[in-house]
Amino acid sequence: MNTRFYEWKNNDLLLRVKVQPKASKDEFCEVMDDAIKVRVTAPPVDGKANQHLIKFLAKQFKASKSRVELISGETNREKRFRIFSPELLPSFILK
């Protein structure tokens, strides 16, 4: 599996995401180039999609929302996140 969409920095996970807002449900999709596609139901208005994506990632990695940081891409579909010491890893992430 292509692992260029994430990397470990000590105990923190750096994740590259390509977001699709206004989807029918929240879900991880396929790996596209160097990012993983994530669908979220929130619209890309007033930061709602970003906040919804942070909540989704926090739940998937069993971390509080305060431990999910948007590093770059605030107004782009391609974003980078840092997840501080995730407690749970989805099957597509290897430690």
N, C-alpha and C. Protein backbone atom coordinates (compact mmCIF):
# COMPACT_ATOMS: atom_id res chain seq x y z
N MET A 1 0.84 -1.19 0.00
CA MET A 1 0.00 0.00 0.00
C MET A 1 0.88 1.24 0.00
N ASN A 2 0.45 2.25 -0.69
CA ASN A 2 1.16 3.51 -0.74
C ASN A 2 1.08 4.20 0.62
N THR A 3 2.24 4.51 1.20
CA THR A 3 2.23 5.14 2.52
C THR A 3 2.72 6.58 2.47
N ARG A 4 2.79 7.18 1.31
CA ARG A 4 3.27 8.56 1.22
C ARG A 4 2.28 9.56 1.77
N PHE A 5 1.06 9.16 2.04
CA PHE A 5 0.06 10.11 2.53
C PHE A 5 0.17 10.35 4.03
N TYR A 6 1.06 9.61 4.71
CA TYR A 6 1.27 9.86 6.14
C TYR A 6 2.72 9.59 6.51
N GLU A 7 3.13 10.19 7.61
CA GLU A 7 4.46 9.91 8.15
C GLU A 7 4.41 10.13 9.65
N TRP A 8 5.30 9.48 10.34
CA TRP A 8 5.39 9.60 11.79
C TRP A 8 6.48 10.60 12.15
N LYS A 9 6.22 11.45 13.09
CA LYS A 9 7.19 12.37 13.66
C LYS A 9 7.14 12.12 15.16
N ASN A 10 8.06 11.29 15.65
CA ASN A 10 8.02 10.80 17.03
C ASN A 10 6.69 10.07 17.22
N ASN A 11 5.86 10.48 18.17
CA ASN A 11 4.57 9.81 18.40
C ASN A 11 3.41 10.47 17.67
N ASP A 12 3.71 11.50 16.87
CA ASP A 12 2.66 12.23 16.17
C ASP A 12 2.55 11.76 14.73
N LEU A 13 1.33 11.72 14.24
CA LEU A 13 1.06 11.30 12.87
C LEU A 13 0.79 12.53 12.01
N LEU A 14 1.55 12.66 10.92
CA LEU A 14 1.31 13.72 9.95
C LEU A 14 0.56 13.10 8.80
N LEU A 15 -0.59 13.67 8.47
CA LEU A 15 -1.52 13.06 7.51
C LEU A 15 -1.86 14.05 6.41
N ARG A 16 -1.75 13.61 5.16
CA ARG A 16 -2.17 14.43 4.02
C ARG A 16 -3.56 13.96 3.58
N VAL A 17 -4.48 14.91 3.49
CA VAL A 17 -5.88 14.60 3.21
C VAL A 17 -6.36 15.41 2.01
N LYS A 18 -7.12 14.77 1.14
CA LYS A 18 -7.86 15.49 0.09
C LYS A 18 -9.32 15.36 0.47
N VAL A 19 -9.94 16.48 0.79
CA VAL A 19 -11.30 16.45 1.34
C VAL A 19 -12.34 16.69 0.25
N GLN A 20 -13.44 15.96 0.36
CA GLN A 20 -14.61 16.18 -0.51
C GLN A 20 -15.76 16.59 0.39
N PRO A 21 -16.07 17.91 0.44
CA PRO A 21 -17.18 18.37 1.28
C PRO A 21 -18.53 18.06 0.66
N LYS A 22 -19.57 18.24 1.46
CA LYS A 22 -20.96 18.02 1.04
C LYS A 22 -21.21 16.61 0.50
N ALA A 23 -20.56 15.62 1.10
CA ALA A 23 -20.76 14.23 0.70
C ALA A 23 -21.99 13.66 1.43
N SER A 24 -22.41 12.47 1.03
CA SER A 24 -23.58 11.87 1.67
C SER A 24 -23.25 11.30 3.04
N LYS A 25 -21.97 10.97 3.30
CA LYS A 25 -21.57 10.48 4.62
C LYS A 25 -20.09 10.75 4.84
N ASP A 26 -19.68 10.69 6.10
CA ASP A 26 -18.28 10.87 6.46
C ASP A 26 -17.58 9.53 6.31
N GLU A 27 -16.45 9.53 5.55
CA GLU A 27 -15.73 8.27 5.38
C GLU A 27 -14.36 8.50 4.77
N PHE A 28 -13.45 7.56 5.07
CA PHE A 28 -12.18 7.49 4.37
C PHE A 28 -12.44 6.81 3.03
N CYS A 29 -11.76 7.26 1.99
CA CYS A 29 -11.89 6.64 0.67
C CYS A 29 -10.52 6.09 0.26
N GLU A 30 -10.22 6.22 -1.02
CA GLU A 30 -8.97 5.65 -1.51
C GLU A 30 -7.80 6.61 -1.34
N VAL A 31 -6.59 6.04 -1.45
CA VAL A 31 -5.38 6.85 -1.47
C VAL A 31 -5.20 7.38 -2.88
N MET A 32 -5.03 8.69 -2.98
CA MET A 32 -4.86 9.35 -4.27
C MET A 32 -3.51 10.05 -4.27
N ASP A 33 -2.57 9.58 -5.07
CA ASP A 33 -1.23 10.15 -5.11
C ASP A 33 -0.64 10.16 -3.70
N ASP A 34 -0.42 11.36 -3.14
CA ASP A 34 0.21 11.44 -1.82
C ASP A 34 -0.78 11.91 -0.75
N ALA A 35 -2.07 11.64 -0.94
CA ALA A 35 -3.08 12.03 0.04
C ALA A 35 -4.15 10.95 0.11
N ILE A 36 -4.85 10.90 1.25
CA ILE A 36 -5.99 10.00 1.36
C ILE A 36 -7.25 10.85 1.22
N LYS A 37 -8.17 10.37 0.41
CA LYS A 37 -9.41 11.10 0.19
C LYS A 37 -10.36 10.83 1.35
N VAL A 38 -10.96 11.92 1.86
CA VAL A 38 -11.92 11.82 2.94
C VAL A 38 -13.15 12.59 2.54
N ARG A 39 -14.29 11.94 2.64
CA ARG A 39 -15.57 12.61 2.37
C ARG A 39 -16.16 13.07 3.70
N VAL A 40 -16.69 14.30 3.71
CA VAL A 40 -17.39 14.81 4.90
C VAL A 40 -18.71 15.44 4.46
N THR A 41 -19.67 15.39 5.34
CA THR A 41 -21.01 15.88 5.01
C THR A 41 -21.12 17.40 5.09
N ALA A 42 -20.21 18.05 5.80
CA ALA A 42 -20.30 19.50 6.00
C ALA A 42 -19.96 20.26 4.72
N PRO A 43 -20.58 21.43 4.53
CA PRO A 43 -20.28 22.27 3.36
C PRO A 43 -19.00 23.06 3.58
N PRO A 44 -18.33 23.46 2.50
CA PRO A 44 -17.09 24.24 2.63
C PRO A 44 -17.38 25.73 2.85
N VAL A 45 -18.10 26.04 3.91
CA VAL A 45 -18.52 27.41 4.19
C VAL A 45 -18.10 27.78 5.61
N ASP A 46 -17.45 28.91 5.77
CA ASP A 46 -17.08 29.43 7.08
C ASP A 46 -16.30 28.43 7.93
N GLY A 47 -15.46 27.63 7.31
CA GLY A 47 -14.64 26.68 8.06
C GLY A 47 -15.39 25.48 8.59
N LYS A 48 -16.66 25.31 8.19
CA LYS A 48 -17.46 24.19 8.71
C LYS A 48 -16.89 22.83 8.30
N ALA A 49 -16.42 22.72 7.06
CA ALA A 49 -15.86 21.45 6.61
C ALA A 49 -14.59 21.12 7.38
N ASN A 50 -13.76 22.13 7.65
CA ASN A 50 -12.53 21.89 8.41
C ASN A 50 -12.86 21.42 9.83
N GLN A 51 -13.79 22.08 10.48
CA GLN A 51 -14.16 21.70 11.85
C GLN A 51 -14.76 20.29 11.87
N HIS A 52 -15.57 19.99 10.89
CA HIS A 52 -16.19 18.66 10.80
C HIS A 52 -15.11 17.61 10.55
N LEU A 53 -14.15 17.93 9.69
CA LEU A 53 -13.06 17.00 9.39
C LEU A 53 -12.20 16.75 10.63
N ILE A 54 -11.93 17.78 11.40
CA ILE A 54 -11.16 17.62 12.64
C ILE A 54 -11.91 16.69 13.60
N LYS A 55 -13.22 16.88 13.71
CA LYS A 55 -14.04 16.02 14.58
C LYS A 55 -14.02 14.57 14.08
N PHE A 56 -14.13 14.38 12.77
CA PHE A 56 -14.10 13.04 12.18
C PHE A 56 -12.75 12.37 12.43
N LEU A 57 -11.65 13.10 12.19
CA LEU A 57 -10.31 12.52 12.41
C LEU A 57 -10.10 12.20 13.88
N ALA A 58 -10.54 13.08 14.77
CA ALA A 58 -10.40 12.82 16.20
C ALA A 58 -11.09 11.52 16.60
N LYS A 59 -12.29 11.31 16.07
CA LYS A 59 -13.04 10.09 16.38
C LYS A 59 -12.34 8.85 15.80
N GLN A 60 -11.86 8.94 14.56
CA GLN A 60 -11.23 7.80 13.91
C GLN A 60 -9.92 7.39 14.57
N PHE A 61 -9.19 8.38 15.11
CA PHE A 61 -7.89 8.10 15.72
C PHE A 61 -7.97 8.10 17.25
N LYS A 62 -9.19 8.17 17.78
CA LYS A 62 -9.43 8.14 19.23
C LYS A 62 -8.55 9.17 19.94
N ALA A 63 -8.68 10.41 19.46
CA ALA A 63 -7.95 11.53 20.05
C ALA A 63 -8.94 12.66 20.30
N SER A 64 -8.63 13.51 21.25
CA SER A 64 -9.51 14.67 21.45
C SER A 64 -9.33 15.63 20.29
N LYS A 65 -10.32 16.47 20.04
CA LYS A 65 -10.24 17.44 18.94
C LYS A 65 -9.04 18.36 19.11
N SER A 66 -8.66 18.64 20.34
CA SER A 66 -7.52 19.53 20.58
C SER A 66 -6.19 18.88 20.17
N ARG A 67 -6.19 17.56 19.97
CA ARG A 67 -4.97 16.86 19.54
C ARG A 67 -4.93 16.65 18.02
N VAL A 68 -5.87 17.25 17.30
CA VAL A 68 -5.88 17.21 15.83
C VAL A 68 -5.66 18.64 15.35
N GLU A 69 -4.52 18.87 14.70
CA GLU A 69 -4.15 20.21 14.28
C GLU A 69 -4.10 20.30 12.76
N LEU A 70 -4.77 21.31 12.22
CA LEU A 70 -4.69 21.59 10.79
C LEU A 70 -3.41 22.38 10.56
N ILE A 71 -2.45 21.77 9.88
CA ILE A 71 -1.14 22.40 9.65
C ILE A 71 -1.19 23.33 8.45
N SER A 72 -1.79 22.86 7.36
CA SER A 72 -1.84 23.69 6.15
C SER A 72 -3.05 23.30 5.31
N GLY A 73 -3.45 24.21 4.41
CA GLY A 73 -4.54 23.94 3.49
C GLY A 73 -5.90 24.37 4.01
N GLU A 74 -5.92 25.38 4.85
CA GLU A 74 -7.19 25.80 5.46
C GLU A 74 -8.28 26.09 4.44
N THR A 75 -7.92 26.69 3.31
CA THR A 75 -8.92 27.02 2.29
C THR A 75 -8.80 26.15 1.04
N ASN A 76 -7.98 25.12 1.09
CA ASN A 76 -7.81 24.20 -0.05
C ASN A 76 -8.45 22.86 0.25
N ARG A 77 -8.65 22.08 -0.80
CA ARG A 77 -9.14 20.71 -0.60
C ARG A 77 -8.03 19.81 -0.09
N GLU A 78 -6.80 20.13 -0.43
CA GLU A 78 -5.67 19.33 0.05
C GLU A 78 -5.15 19.96 1.34
N LYS A 79 -5.11 19.15 2.39
CA LYS A 79 -4.78 19.63 3.73
C LYS A 79 -3.75 18.73 4.38
N ARG A 80 -3.06 19.28 5.36
CA ARG A 80 -2.13 18.49 6.18
C ARG A 80 -2.55 18.63 7.63
N PHE A 81 -2.58 17.50 8.32
CA PHE A 81 -2.95 17.47 9.73
C PHE A 81 -1.86 16.81 10.55
N ARG A 82 -1.76 17.24 11.80
CA ARG A 82 -0.92 16.55 12.78
C ARG A 82 -1.87 16.01 13.83
N ILE A 83 -1.75 14.72 14.11
CA ILE A 83 -2.55 14.10 15.16
C ILE A 83 -1.57 13.71 16.25
N PHE A 84 -1.70 14.38 17.39
CA PHE A 84 -0.78 14.17 18.49
C PHE A 84 -1.09 12.86 19.21
N SER A 85 -0.14 11.95 19.21
CA SER A 85 -0.24 10.67 19.92
C SER A 85 -1.59 9.98 19.76
N PRO A 86 -1.95 9.58 18.52
CA PRO A 86 -3.25 8.91 18.34
C PRO A 86 -3.31 7.61 19.15
N GLU A 87 -4.47 7.33 19.72
CA GLU A 87 -4.65 6.12 20.53
C GLU A 87 -5.12 4.94 19.71
N LEU A 88 -5.68 5.21 18.53
CA LEU A 88 -6.21 4.16 17.67
C LEU A 88 -5.75 4.46 16.25
N LEU A 89 -5.37 3.40 15.51
CA LEU A 89 -4.95 3.59 14.13
C LEU A 89 -5.88 2.80 13.21
N PRO A 90 -6.47 3.47 12.22
CA PRO A 90 -7.24 2.73 11.22
C PRO A 90 -6.34 1.72 10.53
N SER A 91 -6.92 0.71 9.92
CA SER A 91 -6.15 -0.39 9.35
C SER A 91 -5.16 0.03 8.27
N PHE A 92 -5.37 1.17 7.63
CA PHE A 92 -4.47 1.59 6.56
C PHE A 92 -3.26 2.37 7.05
N ILE A 93 -3.13 2.57 8.36
CA ILE A 93 -1.99 3.27 8.94
C ILE A 93 -1.14 2.26 9.70
N LEU A 94 0.15 2.25 9.41
CA LEU A 94 1.07 1.36 10.10
C LEU A 94 2.01 2.18 10.96
N LYS A 95 2.25 1.72 12.15
CA LYS A 95 3.15 2.44 13.08
C LYS A 95 4.57 2.14 12.73
